[in-house]
Amino acid sequence: MHPDSFFRKEILEDLRNRRGLLLKFVLPAGLLLPLILADLPVSLQAAGITVAIIFSGIFGSSIGLVRIRESGMLDRMAMLPISPRRLIAGYILANALLDLAQIAIPLAVFLILHPPAPEVVLCVAGAFASAVVAANALGVLAAVAPGSSSEGHLYAIITVMAAIVLSGLVAPAPHTQGLLPFWYLHAALVTAPGAFALSPVLAGLILGSALAVSPRLFGRTRG
């Protein structure tokens, strides 16, 4: 079968590699559940979940896309009568769905142990989805410049660290933390006051930026 979109390609590859798919679920749970079950401050546990989303989304999406470009797949998919933006949107969606599923179990355990107020549940859900989409979109942005896998790893790591620091997850960053959706997820998990409605707006802006530059991934400008 020759997939006509990144979404179908990514989903098929994930389902085909059952061992790798299982590992993708076991690894986040193995890292996050001990943190969540430990007698630690809720803010630290919330930060761990948020950092996991940032790392999984940015690093996974960026490195995966760089490797696909190195394999020549992007050149072949550029021949399809589908716009680069639609192709990359499908790629982001497929990776975001996998990340949502990966983190859903640790997040559910966290919410069971630290049940939020009813009015905060929707805020958590919206902030969670926004953070996952934003992380994967940032991964696409980080994949535009690298010319090799080694450069891709470097750009991905820099982007991950920048997102963590700017979001105030390491130390307070009052001037920048509100510019990315990740801080809003952390705030929602600790039921701290916050303008949670900004989270999907910011995620939408980052996603739009990733789609805007997506033609550069294919080596030539297409509509």
N, C-alpha and C. Protein backbone atom coordinates (compact mmCIF):
# COMPACT_ATOMS: atom_id res chain seq x y z
N MET A 1 0.85 -1.19 0.00
CA MET A 1 0.00 0.00 0.00
C MET A 1 0.88 1.24 0.00
N HIS A 2 0.55 2.20 -0.87
CA HIS A 2 1.31 3.42 -0.94
C HIS A 2 0.51 4.54 -0.31
N PRO A 3 0.84 4.91 0.91
CA PRO A 3 0.06 5.93 1.60
C PRO A 3 0.16 7.28 0.90
N ASP A 4 -0.95 8.01 0.85
CA ASP A 4 -0.97 9.30 0.18
C ASP A 4 -0.91 10.45 1.18
N SER A 5 -0.61 10.16 2.42
CA SER A 5 -0.50 11.23 3.41
C SER A 5 0.41 10.78 4.53
N PHE A 6 0.99 11.77 5.21
CA PHE A 6 1.82 11.45 6.36
C PHE A 6 0.99 10.81 7.46
N PHE A 7 -0.26 11.24 7.58
CA PHE A 7 -1.09 10.71 8.65
C PHE A 7 -1.22 9.19 8.50
N ARG A 8 -1.58 8.75 7.31
CA ARG A 8 -1.76 7.32 7.08
C ARG A 8 -0.43 6.58 7.21
N LYS A 9 0.63 7.19 6.69
CA LYS A 9 1.95 6.56 6.75
C LYS A 9 2.38 6.35 8.20
N GLU A 10 2.27 7.40 9.02
CA GLU A 10 2.70 7.30 10.41
C GLU A 10 1.86 6.31 11.19
N ILE A 11 0.56 6.33 10.99
CA ILE A 11 -0.33 5.41 11.70
C ILE A 11 -0.03 3.97 11.31
N LEU A 12 0.15 3.71 10.02
CA LEU A 12 0.43 2.35 9.56
C LEU A 12 1.75 1.85 10.11
N GLU A 13 2.77 2.70 10.12
CA GLU A 13 4.07 2.28 10.63
C GLU A 13 4.01 2.00 12.12
N ASP A 14 3.29 2.81 12.86
CA ASP A 14 3.16 2.57 14.30
C ASP A 14 2.43 1.26 14.58
N LEU A 15 1.37 0.99 13.83
CA LEU A 15 0.60 -0.23 14.05
C LEU A 15 1.37 -1.47 13.61
N ARG A 16 2.20 -1.30 12.59
CA ARG A 16 2.97 -2.44 12.07
C ARG A 16 4.07 -2.86 13.05
N ASN A 17 4.69 -1.89 13.67
CA ASN A 17 5.77 -2.17 14.62
C ASN A 17 5.18 -2.28 16.03
N ARG A 18 4.62 -3.43 16.33
CA ARG A 18 3.91 -3.57 17.60
C ARG A 18 4.84 -3.49 18.80
N ARG A 19 6.05 -4.01 18.66
CA ARG A 19 7.00 -3.95 19.77
C ARG A 19 7.38 -2.50 20.05
N GLY A 20 7.65 -1.75 18.98
CA GLY A 20 8.00 -0.35 19.16
C GLY A 20 6.84 0.45 19.71
N LEU A 21 5.62 0.11 19.27
CA LEU A 21 4.44 0.80 19.77
C LEU A 21 4.24 0.54 21.26
N LEU A 22 4.45 -0.70 21.66
CA LEU A 22 4.32 -1.04 23.08
C LEU A 22 5.36 -0.29 23.91
N LEU A 23 6.58 -0.20 23.38
CA LEU A 23 7.64 0.51 24.09
C LEU A 23 7.30 1.98 24.26
N LYS A 24 6.65 2.56 23.26
CA LYS A 24 6.28 3.96 23.33
C LYS A 24 5.28 4.24 24.44
N PHE A 25 4.51 3.21 24.82
CA PHE A 25 3.56 3.37 25.91
C PHE A 25 4.21 3.03 27.25
N VAL A 26 5.07 2.02 27.24
CA VAL A 26 5.69 1.57 28.49
C VAL A 26 6.69 2.59 29.01
N LEU A 27 7.46 3.20 28.12
CA LEU A 27 8.50 4.13 28.55
C LEU A 27 7.96 5.35 29.29
N PRO A 28 6.97 6.07 28.73
CA PRO A 28 6.44 7.22 29.49
C PRO A 28 5.82 6.81 30.82
N ALA A 29 5.11 5.68 30.82
CA ALA A 29 4.50 5.22 32.06
C ALA A 29 5.57 4.84 33.08
N GLY A 30 6.63 4.19 32.61
CA GLY A 30 7.70 3.78 33.51
C GLY A 30 8.45 4.95 34.11
N LEU A 31 8.53 6.06 33.36
CA LEU A 31 9.23 7.24 33.85
C LEU A 31 8.34 8.13 34.72
N LEU A 32 7.07 8.25 34.34
CA LEU A 32 6.19 9.20 35.01
C LEU A 32 5.47 8.63 36.22
N LEU A 33 5.06 7.36 36.15
CA LEU A 33 4.29 6.80 37.26
C LEU A 33 5.05 6.80 38.59
N PRO A 34 6.34 6.43 38.61
CA PRO A 34 7.06 6.54 39.90
C PRO A 34 7.09 7.97 40.44
N LEU A 35 7.19 8.94 39.54
CA LEU A 35 7.17 10.34 39.96
C LEU A 35 5.81 10.72 40.52
N ILE A 36 4.75 10.25 39.85
CA ILE A 36 3.39 10.59 40.27
C ILE A 36 3.02 9.89 41.57
N LEU A 37 3.48 8.66 41.75
CA LEU A 37 3.14 7.89 42.93
C LEU A 37 4.01 8.24 44.13
N ALA A 38 5.11 8.92 43.89
CA ALA A 38 6.01 9.28 44.99
C ALA A 38 5.41 10.43 45.81
N ASP A 39 5.91 10.55 47.02
CA ASP A 39 5.45 11.61 47.91
C ASP A 39 6.21 12.90 47.59
N LEU A 40 5.82 13.51 46.47
CA LEU A 40 6.48 14.72 45.99
C LEU A 40 5.45 15.83 45.83
N PRO A 41 5.89 17.07 45.81
CA PRO A 41 4.95 18.18 45.59
C PRO A 41 4.20 18.03 44.27
N VAL A 42 2.94 18.41 44.28
CA VAL A 42 2.12 18.29 43.08
C VAL A 42 2.72 19.11 41.93
N SER A 43 3.29 20.26 42.25
CA SER A 43 3.86 21.10 41.21
C SER A 43 5.00 20.40 40.48
N LEU A 44 5.79 19.63 41.21
CA LEU A 44 6.89 18.89 40.60
C LEU A 44 6.37 17.77 39.71
N GLN A 45 5.34 17.09 40.16
CA GLN A 45 4.73 16.04 39.35
C GLN A 45 4.12 16.62 38.08
N ALA A 46 3.45 17.76 38.21
CA ALA A 46 2.86 18.42 37.05
C ALA A 46 3.93 18.86 36.07
N ALA A 47 5.05 19.33 36.60
CA ALA A 47 6.16 19.73 35.74
C ALA A 47 6.73 18.53 35.00
N GLY A 48 6.81 17.37 35.67
CA GLY A 48 7.30 16.17 35.02
C GLY A 48 6.43 15.75 33.85
N ILE A 49 5.12 15.80 34.03
CA ILE A 49 4.20 15.45 32.94
C ILE A 49 4.36 16.43 31.79
N THR A 50 4.45 17.71 32.10
CA THR A 50 4.58 18.72 31.05
C THR A 50 5.89 18.58 30.29
N VAL A 51 6.98 18.33 31.01
CA VAL A 51 8.28 18.14 30.36
C VAL A 51 8.25 16.90 29.45
N ALA A 52 7.58 15.84 29.89
CA ALA A 52 7.47 14.63 29.07
C ALA A 52 6.76 14.92 27.76
N ILE A 53 5.73 15.74 27.82
CA ILE A 53 5.00 16.12 26.60
C ILE A 53 5.90 16.93 25.67
N ILE A 54 6.63 17.87 26.24
CA ILE A 54 7.53 18.70 25.44
C ILE A 54 8.59 17.85 24.75
N PHE A 55 9.23 16.97 25.51
CA PHE A 55 10.30 16.14 24.96
C PHE A 55 9.75 15.18 23.90
N SER A 56 8.68 14.47 24.25
CA SER A 56 8.13 13.48 23.32
C SER A 56 7.66 14.13 22.03
N GLY A 57 6.95 15.26 22.16
CA GLY A 57 6.41 15.91 20.97
C GLY A 57 7.48 16.54 20.09
N ILE A 58 8.34 17.35 20.69
CA ILE A 58 9.35 18.06 19.90
C ILE A 58 10.39 17.09 19.35
N PHE A 59 10.98 16.29 20.22
CA PHE A 59 12.07 15.42 19.80
C PHE A 59 11.56 14.36 18.82
N GLY A 60 10.45 13.71 19.17
CA GLY A 60 9.94 12.65 18.29
C GLY A 60 9.54 13.17 16.93
N SER A 61 8.81 14.28 16.91
CA SER A 61 8.35 14.84 15.64
C SER A 61 9.51 15.35 14.79
N SER A 62 10.45 16.04 15.42
CA SER A 62 11.57 16.62 14.68
C SER A 62 12.49 15.56 14.10
N ILE A 63 12.95 14.64 14.94
CA ILE A 63 13.88 13.61 14.47
C ILE A 63 13.23 12.71 13.43
N GLY A 64 11.96 12.38 13.66
CA GLY A 64 11.25 11.55 12.68
C GLY A 64 11.18 12.23 11.32
N LEU A 65 10.91 13.51 11.31
CA LEU A 65 10.79 14.24 10.05
C LEU A 65 12.14 14.39 9.35
N VAL A 66 13.19 14.63 10.12
CA VAL A 66 14.53 14.74 9.53
C VAL A 66 14.93 13.42 8.88
N ARG A 67 14.65 12.32 9.54
CA ARG A 67 14.99 11.00 8.98
C ARG A 67 14.18 10.70 7.73
N ILE A 68 12.92 11.11 7.72
CA ILE A 68 12.09 10.91 6.54
C ILE A 68 12.64 11.71 5.37
N ARG A 69 13.10 12.93 5.66
CA ARG A 69 13.68 13.75 4.59
C ARG A 69 14.97 13.13 4.07
N GLU A 70 15.81 12.61 4.98
CA GLU A 70 17.06 11.98 4.55
C GLU A 70 16.81 10.75 3.69
N SER A 71 15.72 10.04 3.96
CA SER A 71 15.42 8.82 3.19
C SER A 71 14.91 9.12 1.78
N GLY A 72 14.60 10.38 1.52
CA GLY A 72 14.07 10.75 0.21
C GLY A 72 12.56 10.66 0.11
N MET A 73 11.91 10.28 1.21
CA MET A 73 10.46 10.13 1.20
C MET A 73 9.76 11.45 0.90
N LEU A 74 10.31 12.55 1.43
CA LEU A 74 9.68 13.84 1.19
C LEU A 74 9.69 14.20 -0.30
N ASP A 75 10.78 13.87 -0.97
CA ASP A 75 10.85 14.15 -2.41
C ASP A 75 9.79 13.36 -3.16
N ARG A 76 9.58 12.12 -2.74
CA ARG A 76 8.58 11.29 -3.42
C ARG A 76 7.17 11.78 -3.11
N MET A 77 6.94 12.18 -1.85
CA MET A 77 5.61 12.66 -1.48
C MET A 77 5.32 14.03 -2.08
N ALA A 78 6.38 14.78 -2.41
CA ALA A 78 6.19 16.08 -3.04
C ALA A 78 5.58 15.94 -4.43
N MET A 79 5.67 14.75 -5.03
CA MET A 79 5.10 14.51 -6.35
C MET A 79 3.60 14.28 -6.30
N LEU A 80 3.08 14.06 -5.09
CA LEU A 80 1.65 13.83 -4.95
C LEU A 80 0.88 15.12 -5.13
N PRO A 81 -0.36 15.04 -5.63
CA PRO A 81 -1.17 16.26 -5.80
C PRO A 81 -1.79 16.71 -4.48
N ILE A 82 -0.93 16.81 -3.47
CA ILE A 82 -1.37 17.23 -2.14
C ILE A 82 -0.42 18.31 -1.68
N SER A 83 -0.94 19.37 -1.10
CA SER A 83 -0.09 20.48 -0.68
C SER A 83 0.80 20.08 0.48
N PRO A 84 1.98 20.69 0.59
CA PRO A 84 2.86 20.41 1.73
C PRO A 84 2.18 20.66 3.07
N ARG A 85 1.36 21.68 3.13
CA ARG A 85 0.69 22.00 4.40
C ARG A 85 -0.25 20.88 4.83
N ARG A 86 -0.94 20.31 3.89
CA ARG A 86 -1.83 19.19 4.22
C ARG A 86 -1.03 17.97 4.64
N LEU A 87 0.08 17.71 3.96
CA LEU A 87 0.92 16.57 4.32
C LEU A 87 1.48 16.73 5.74
N ILE A 88 2.01 17.91 6.03
CA ILE A 88 2.60 18.14 7.35
C ILE A 88 1.51 18.18 8.43
N ALA A 89 0.34 18.70 8.10
CA ALA A 89 -0.76 18.69 9.07
C ALA A 89 -1.11 17.26 9.45
N GLY A 90 -1.10 16.36 8.46
CA GLY A 90 -1.37 14.96 8.75
C GLY A 90 -0.28 14.33 9.60
N TYR A 91 0.96 14.72 9.34
CA TYR A 91 2.09 14.22 10.14
C TYR A 91 1.97 14.67 11.59
N ILE A 92 1.68 15.95 11.79
CA ILE A 92 1.52 16.48 13.14
C ILE A 92 0.36 15.80 13.85
N LEU A 93 -0.75 15.62 13.15
CA LEU A 93 -1.93 14.99 13.75
C LEU A 93 -1.63 13.57 14.19
N ALA A 94 -0.96 12.79 13.34
CA ALA A 94 -0.65 11.40 13.68
C ALA A 94 0.25 11.32 14.90
N ASN A 95 1.28 12.15 14.93
CA ASN A 95 2.20 12.13 16.07
C ASN A 95 1.55 12.67 17.33
N ALA A 96 0.68 13.66 17.18
CA ALA A 96 -0.03 14.21 18.34
C ALA A 96 -0.97 13.18 18.94
N LEU A 97 -1.66 12.43 18.11
CA LEU A 97 -2.57 11.39 18.62
C LEU A 97 -1.80 10.34 19.39
N LEU A 98 -0.62 9.96 18.89
CA LEU A 98 0.19 8.97 19.60
C LEU A 98 0.67 9.53 20.94
N ASP A 99 1.09 10.79 20.94
CA ASP A 99 1.55 11.40 22.20
C ASP A 99 0.41 11.52 23.20
N LEU A 100 -0.77 11.87 22.72
CA LEU A 100 -1.93 11.96 23.60
C LEU A 100 -2.20 10.61 24.26
N ALA A 101 -2.12 9.55 23.46
CA ALA A 101 -2.36 8.21 24.01
C ALA A 101 -1.25 7.80 24.98
N GLN A 102 -0.01 8.17 24.66
CA GLN A 102 1.13 7.80 25.51
C GLN A 102 1.02 8.42 26.91
N ILE A 103 0.68 9.69 26.95
CA ILE A 103 0.68 10.42 28.22
C ILE A 103 -0.66 10.29 28.94
N ALA A 104 -1.67 9.77 28.25
CA ALA A 104 -3.01 9.71 28.84
C ALA A 104 -3.05 8.87 30.12
N ILE A 105 -2.33 7.75 30.13
CA ILE A 105 -2.36 6.87 31.31
C ILE A 105 -1.71 7.54 32.53
N PRO A 106 -0.47 8.04 32.41
CA PRO A 106 0.10 8.75 33.57
C PRO A 106 -0.74 9.95 33.99
N LEU A 107 -1.29 10.67 33.02
CA LEU A 107 -2.11 11.84 33.35
C LEU A 107 -3.37 11.41 34.11
N ALA A 108 -3.98 10.31 33.67
CA ALA A 108 -5.19 9.82 34.34
C ALA A 108 -4.88 9.43 35.79
N VAL A 109 -3.74 8.77 36.00
CA VAL A 109 -3.34 8.40 37.37
C VAL A 109 -3.14 9.65 38.21
N PHE A 110 -2.49 10.66 37.63
CA PHE A 110 -2.27 11.92 38.35
C PHE A 110 -3.60 12.55 38.75
N LEU A 111 -4.57 12.57 37.83
CA LEU A 111 -5.85 13.20 38.11
C LEU A 111 -6.67 12.41 39.13
N ILE A 112 -6.48 11.09 39.15
CA ILE A 112 -7.16 10.27 40.16
C ILE A 112 -6.60 10.56 41.55
N LEU A 113 -5.28 10.69 41.63
CA LEU A 113 -4.64 10.95 42.91
C LEU A 113 -4.82 12.41 43.36
N HIS A 114 -4.94 13.29 42.39
CA HIS A 114 -5.10 14.72 42.69
C HIS A 114 -6.29 15.26 41.90
N PRO A 115 -7.50 14.85 42.27
CA PRO A 115 -8.68 15.24 41.49
C PRO A 115 -8.88 16.75 41.46
N PRO A 116 -8.98 17.33 40.28
CA PRO A 116 -9.19 18.77 40.19
C PRO A 116 -10.67 19.11 40.41
N ALA A 117 -10.93 20.36 40.61
CA ALA A 117 -12.31 20.82 40.72
C ALA A 117 -13.02 20.57 39.39
N PRO A 118 -14.33 20.31 39.42
CA PRO A 118 -15.05 20.00 38.18
C PRO A 118 -14.85 21.03 37.08
N GLU A 119 -14.80 22.31 37.45
CA GLU A 119 -14.66 23.34 36.43
C GLU A 119 -13.26 23.38 35.84
N VAL A 120 -12.30 22.70 36.46
CA VAL A 120 -10.92 22.70 35.97
C VAL A 120 -10.67 21.54 35.01
N VAL A 121 -11.54 20.53 35.03
CA VAL A 121 -11.33 19.33 34.21
C VAL A 121 -11.24 19.69 32.73
N LEU A 122 -12.16 20.52 32.25
CA LEU A 122 -12.13 20.92 30.84
C LEU A 122 -10.89 21.74 30.53
N CYS A 123 -10.46 22.53 31.50
CA CYS A 123 -9.24 23.32 31.31
C CYS A 123 -8.03 22.40 31.15
N VAL A 124 -7.99 21.34 31.97
CA VAL A 124 -6.88 20.38 31.88
C VAL A 124 -6.90 19.69 30.52
N ALA A 125 -8.09 19.25 30.09
CA ALA A 125 -8.20 18.55 28.81
C ALA A 125 -7.77 19.45 27.66
N GLY A 126 -8.26 20.68 27.66
CA GLY A 126 -7.89 21.61 26.60
C GLY A 126 -6.42 21.97 26.60
N ALA A 127 -5.88 22.19 27.80
CA ALA A 127 -4.46 22.52 27.91
C ALA A 127 -3.59 21.34 27.52
N PHE A 128 -4.02 20.13 27.86
CA PHE A 128 -3.28 18.91 27.50
C PHE A 128 -3.20 18.75 25.99
N ALA A 129 -4.35 18.84 25.32
CA ALA A 129 -4.38 18.70 23.87
C ALA A 129 -3.58 19.82 23.20
N SER A 130 -3.70 21.03 23.71
CA SER A 130 -2.97 22.16 23.14
C SER A 130 -1.47 21.98 23.27
N ALA A 131 -1.03 21.52 24.45
CA ALA A 131 0.41 21.32 24.67
C ALA A 131 0.96 20.25 23.74
N VAL A 132 0.22 19.18 23.53
CA VAL A 132 0.69 18.10 22.66
C VAL A 132 0.80 18.57 21.22
N VAL A 133 -0.22 19.27 20.73
CA VAL A 133 -0.19 19.79 19.36
C VAL A 133 0.95 20.79 19.19
N ALA A 134 1.11 21.69 20.17
CA ALA A 134 2.17 22.69 20.09
C ALA A 134 3.55 22.05 20.08
N ALA A 135 3.75 21.02 20.91
CA ALA A 135 5.05 20.36 20.96
C ALA A 135 5.40 19.73 19.62
N ASN A 136 4.44 19.08 19.00
CA ASN A 136 4.69 18.45 17.70
C ASN A 136 4.90 19.48 16.61
N ALA A 137 4.18 20.59 16.69
CA ALA A 137 4.38 21.66 15.71
C ALA A 137 5.76 22.30 15.87
N LEU A 138 6.21 22.47 17.11
CA LEU A 138 7.57 22.98 17.34
C LEU A 138 8.60 22.01 16.80
N GLY A 139 8.31 20.72 16.88
CA GLY A 139 9.21 19.72 16.32
C GLY A 139 9.36 19.89 14.82
N VAL A 140 8.27 20.19 14.14
CA VAL A 140 8.33 20.44 12.70
C VAL A 140 9.17 21.68 12.41
N LEU A 141 8.97 22.73 13.19
CA LEU A 141 9.77 23.95 13.01
C LEU A 141 11.26 23.67 13.21
N ALA A 142 11.56 22.83 14.20
CA ALA A 142 12.96 22.49 14.48
C ALA A 142 13.57 21.63 13.38
N ALA A 143 12.75 21.00 12.56
CA ALA A 143 13.24 20.11 11.51
C ALA A 143 13.50 20.83 10.19
N VAL A 144 13.15 22.11 10.12
CA VAL A 144 13.29 22.83 8.85
C VAL A 144 14.75 23.08 8.50
N ALA A 145 15.54 23.52 9.48
CA ALA A 145 16.92 23.93 9.21
C ALA A 145 17.92 22.79 9.11
N PRO A 146 17.86 21.73 9.93
CA PRO A 146 18.90 20.70 9.92
C PRO A 146 19.06 20.03 8.57
N GLY A 147 20.32 19.75 8.23
CA GLY A 147 20.59 19.06 6.98
C GLY A 147 20.95 17.60 7.16
N SER A 148 21.03 17.15 8.43
CA SER A 148 21.38 15.76 8.71
C SER A 148 20.76 15.35 10.04
N SER A 149 20.82 14.06 10.34
CA SER A 149 20.26 13.56 11.59
C SER A 149 21.00 14.12 12.79
N SER A 150 22.34 14.24 12.67
CA SER A 150 23.11 14.77 13.79
C SER A 150 22.72 16.22 14.08
N GLU A 151 22.56 17.01 13.03
CA GLU A 151 22.10 18.38 13.22
C GLU A 151 20.67 18.39 13.76
N GLY A 152 19.87 17.44 13.29
CA GLY A 152 18.48 17.35 13.74
C GLY A 152 18.39 17.12 15.24
N HIS A 153 19.24 16.23 15.77
CA HIS A 153 19.26 15.98 17.21
C HIS A 153 19.64 17.25 17.97
N LEU A 154 20.62 17.98 17.45
CA LEU A 154 21.06 19.20 18.12
C LEU A 154 19.95 20.24 18.15
N TYR A 155 19.31 20.46 17.01
CA TYR A 155 18.22 21.45 16.95
C TYR A 155 17.06 21.02 17.84
N ALA A 156 16.76 19.73 17.86
CA ALA A 156 15.65 19.23 18.68
C ALA A 156 15.93 19.45 20.16
N ILE A 157 17.15 19.13 20.59
CA ILE A 157 17.52 19.30 22.00
C ILE A 157 17.46 20.76 22.40
N ILE A 158 17.97 21.65 21.52
CA ILE A 158 17.93 23.08 21.82
C ILE A 158 16.48 23.56 21.94
N THR A 159 15.63 23.09 21.05
CA THR A 159 14.22 23.50 21.08
C THR A 159 13.53 22.99 22.33
N VAL A 160 13.82 21.75 22.72
CA VAL A 160 13.23 21.18 23.93
C VAL A 160 13.65 21.99 25.15
N MET A 161 14.94 22.25 25.28
CA MET A 161 15.44 22.99 26.43
C MET A 161 14.88 24.41 26.46
N ALA A 162 14.79 25.04 25.30
CA ALA A 162 14.24 26.39 25.24
C ALA A 162 12.79 26.41 25.67
N ALA A 163 12.01 25.43 25.21
CA ALA A 163 10.59 25.37 25.58
C ALA A 163 10.42 25.16 27.08
N ILE A 164 11.26 24.31 27.66
CA ILE A 164 11.17 24.04 29.10
C ILE A 164 11.51 25.29 29.91
N VAL A 165 12.60 25.96 29.53
CA VAL A 165 13.04 27.14 30.28
C VAL A 165 12.07 28.30 30.10
N LEU A 166 11.68 28.57 28.87
CA LEU A 166 10.78 29.69 28.60
C LEU A 166 9.41 29.50 29.22
N SER A 167 9.02 28.23 29.44
CA SER A 167 7.72 27.93 30.04
C SER A 167 7.75 28.00 31.56
N GLY A 168 8.90 28.29 32.13
CA GLY A 168 9.00 28.43 33.56
C GLY A 168 8.91 27.12 34.31
N LEU A 169 9.30 26.02 33.68
CA LEU A 169 9.21 24.71 34.32
C LEU A 169 10.45 24.37 35.13
N VAL A 170 11.54 25.09 34.91
CA VAL A 170 12.77 24.91 35.69
C VAL A 170 12.87 25.97 36.78
N ALA A 171 12.61 27.19 36.39
CA ALA A 171 12.62 28.33 37.31
C ALA A 171 11.58 29.31 36.81
N PRO A 172 11.02 30.12 37.68
CA PRO A 172 10.01 31.08 37.23
C PRO A 172 10.50 31.93 36.06
N ALA A 173 9.64 32.07 35.07
CA ALA A 173 9.96 32.90 33.91
C ALA A 173 8.75 33.77 33.60
N PRO A 174 8.49 34.74 34.45
CA PRO A 174 7.26 35.52 34.35
C PRO A 174 7.08 36.28 33.03
N HIS A 175 8.19 36.58 32.35
CA HIS A 175 8.10 37.36 31.12
C HIS A 175 7.86 36.50 29.88
N THR A 176 8.07 35.20 29.99
CA THR A 176 7.96 34.33 28.81
C THR A 176 7.01 33.15 28.98
N GLN A 177 6.72 32.74 30.22
CA GLN A 177 5.97 31.51 30.42
C GLN A 177 4.57 31.54 29.81
N GLY A 178 3.98 32.73 29.70
CA GLY A 178 2.65 32.82 29.13
C GLY A 178 2.62 32.82 27.62
N LEU A 179 3.81 32.73 26.98
CA LEU A 179 3.88 32.76 25.53
C LEU A 179 3.75 31.38 24.90
N LEU A 180 3.86 30.33 25.71
CA LEU A 180 3.77 28.96 25.22
C LEU A 180 2.66 28.23 25.96
N PRO A 181 2.01 27.24 25.33
CA PRO A 181 0.89 26.54 25.96
C PRO A 181 1.29 25.66 27.14
N PHE A 182 2.58 25.36 27.28
CA PHE A 182 3.01 24.39 28.29
C PHE A 182 2.80 24.89 29.71
N TRP A 183 3.03 26.16 29.93
CA TRP A 183 2.82 26.71 31.27
C TRP A 183 1.36 26.59 31.68
N TYR A 184 0.45 26.74 30.74
CA TYR A 184 -0.98 26.69 31.05
C TYR A 184 -1.38 25.27 31.46
N LEU A 185 -0.75 24.27 30.86
CA LEU A 185 -1.02 22.90 31.28
C LEU A 185 -0.53 22.68 32.70
N HIS A 186 0.67 23.13 32.99
CA HIS A 186 1.22 23.00 34.34
C HIS A 186 0.31 23.71 35.35
N ALA A 187 -0.14 24.91 35.00
CA ALA A 187 -1.01 25.67 35.89
C ALA A 187 -2.34 24.96 36.11
N ALA A 188 -2.87 24.36 35.03
CA ALA A 188 -4.14 23.65 35.16
C ALA A 188 -4.01 22.43 36.06
N LEU A 189 -2.87 21.73 35.96
CA LEU A 189 -2.67 20.52 36.75
C LEU A 189 -2.52 20.83 38.24
N VAL A 190 -2.00 21.99 38.56
CA VAL A 190 -1.88 22.37 39.97
C VAL A 190 -3.03 23.27 40.39
N THR A 191 -4.05 23.33 39.49
CA THR A 191 -5.28 24.13 39.72
C THR A 191 -4.95 25.55 40.14
N ALA A 192 -3.91 26.09 39.54
CA ALA A 192 -3.57 27.49 39.80
C ALA A 192 -4.36 28.38 38.85
N PRO A 193 -4.63 29.62 39.26
CA PRO A 193 -5.35 30.53 38.36
C PRO A 193 -4.57 30.74 37.07
N GLY A 194 -5.29 30.84 35.98
CA GLY A 194 -4.62 31.06 34.70
C GLY A 194 -5.63 31.25 33.59
N ALA A 195 -5.23 31.98 32.55
CA ALA A 195 -6.12 32.21 31.42
C ALA A 195 -6.02 31.02 30.48
N PHE A 196 -6.69 29.93 30.84
CA PHE A 196 -6.52 28.69 30.09
C PHE A 196 -7.01 28.80 28.64
N ALA A 197 -7.87 29.76 28.37
CA ALA A 197 -8.38 29.92 27.02
C ALA A 197 -7.27 30.29 26.04
N LEU A 198 -6.17 30.85 26.55
CA LEU A 198 -5.05 31.21 25.68
C LEU A 198 -4.30 29.99 25.18
N SER A 199 -4.41 28.88 25.88
CA SER A 199 -3.64 27.69 25.51
C SER A 199 -3.93 27.23 24.08
N PRO A 200 -5.19 26.98 23.70
CA PRO A 200 -5.44 26.57 22.31
C PRO A 200 -5.12 27.66 21.30
N VAL A 201 -5.24 28.92 21.70
CA VAL A 201 -4.90 30.01 20.78
C VAL A 201 -3.41 29.98 20.46
N LEU A 202 -2.59 29.84 21.49
CA LEU A 202 -1.14 29.79 21.30
C LEU A 202 -0.75 28.54 20.50
N ALA A 203 -1.39 27.41 20.81
CA ALA A 203 -1.11 26.19 20.05
C ALA A 203 -1.48 26.37 18.58
N GLY A 204 -2.58 27.06 18.33
CA GLY A 204 -2.99 27.32 16.95
C GLY A 204 -1.99 28.19 16.22
N LEU A 205 -1.42 29.18 16.92
CA LEU A 205 -0.43 30.05 16.30
C LEU A 205 0.85 29.28 15.95
N ILE A 206 1.27 28.40 16.86
CA ILE A 206 2.47 27.60 16.61
C ILE A 206 2.22 26.62 15.47
N LEU A 207 1.04 26.01 15.47
CA LEU A 207 0.69 25.08 14.39
C LEU A 207 0.65 25.82 13.05
N GLY A 208 0.05 27.01 13.05
CA GLY A 208 0.00 27.79 11.82
C GLY A 208 1.39 28.14 11.31
N SER A 209 2.31 28.44 12.22
CA SER A 209 3.69 28.74 11.83
C SER A 209 4.35 27.53 11.20
N ALA A 210 4.12 26.35 11.80
CA ALA A 210 4.71 25.12 11.26
C ALA A 210 4.17 24.83 9.86
N LEU A 211 2.88 25.03 9.67
CA LEU A 211 2.29 24.78 8.35
C LEU A 211 2.76 25.82 7.34
N ALA A 212 2.99 27.05 7.80
CA ALA A 212 3.43 28.11 6.89
C ALA A 212 4.81 27.82 6.30
N VAL A 213 5.69 27.23 7.11
CA VAL A 213 7.05 26.96 6.63
C VAL A 213 7.20 25.55 6.06
N SER A 214 6.13 24.77 6.09
CA SER A 214 6.22 23.37 5.66
C SER A 214 6.73 23.18 4.23
N PRO A 215 6.44 24.09 3.27
CA PRO A 215 7.00 23.86 1.93
C PRO A 215 8.51 23.79 1.91
N ARG A 216 9.18 24.45 2.85
CA ARG A 216 10.66 24.42 2.87
C ARG A 216 11.19 23.03 3.19
N LEU A 217 10.38 22.22 3.82
CA LEU A 217 10.82 20.85 4.13
C LEU A 217 10.95 20.00 2.88
N PHE A 218 10.25 20.40 1.84
CA PHE A 218 10.23 19.63 0.61
C PHE A 218 11.23 20.13 -0.41
N GLY A 219 12.00 21.14 -0.04
CA GLY A 219 13.07 21.61 -0.90
C GLY A 219 12.67 22.57 -1.97
N ARG A 220 11.38 22.80 -2.08
CA ARG A 220 10.91 23.76 -3.07
C ARG A 220 9.56 24.28 -2.64
N THR A 221 9.23 25.41 -3.11
CA THR A 221 7.98 26.04 -2.69
C THR A 221 6.84 25.57 -3.55
N ARG A 222 5.84 25.04 -2.85
CA ARG A 222 4.62 24.62 -3.53
C ARG A 222 3.47 25.24 -2.79
N GLY A 223 2.30 25.26 -3.43
CA GLY A 223 1.14 25.90 -2.81
C GLY A 223 0.50 25.07 -1.75
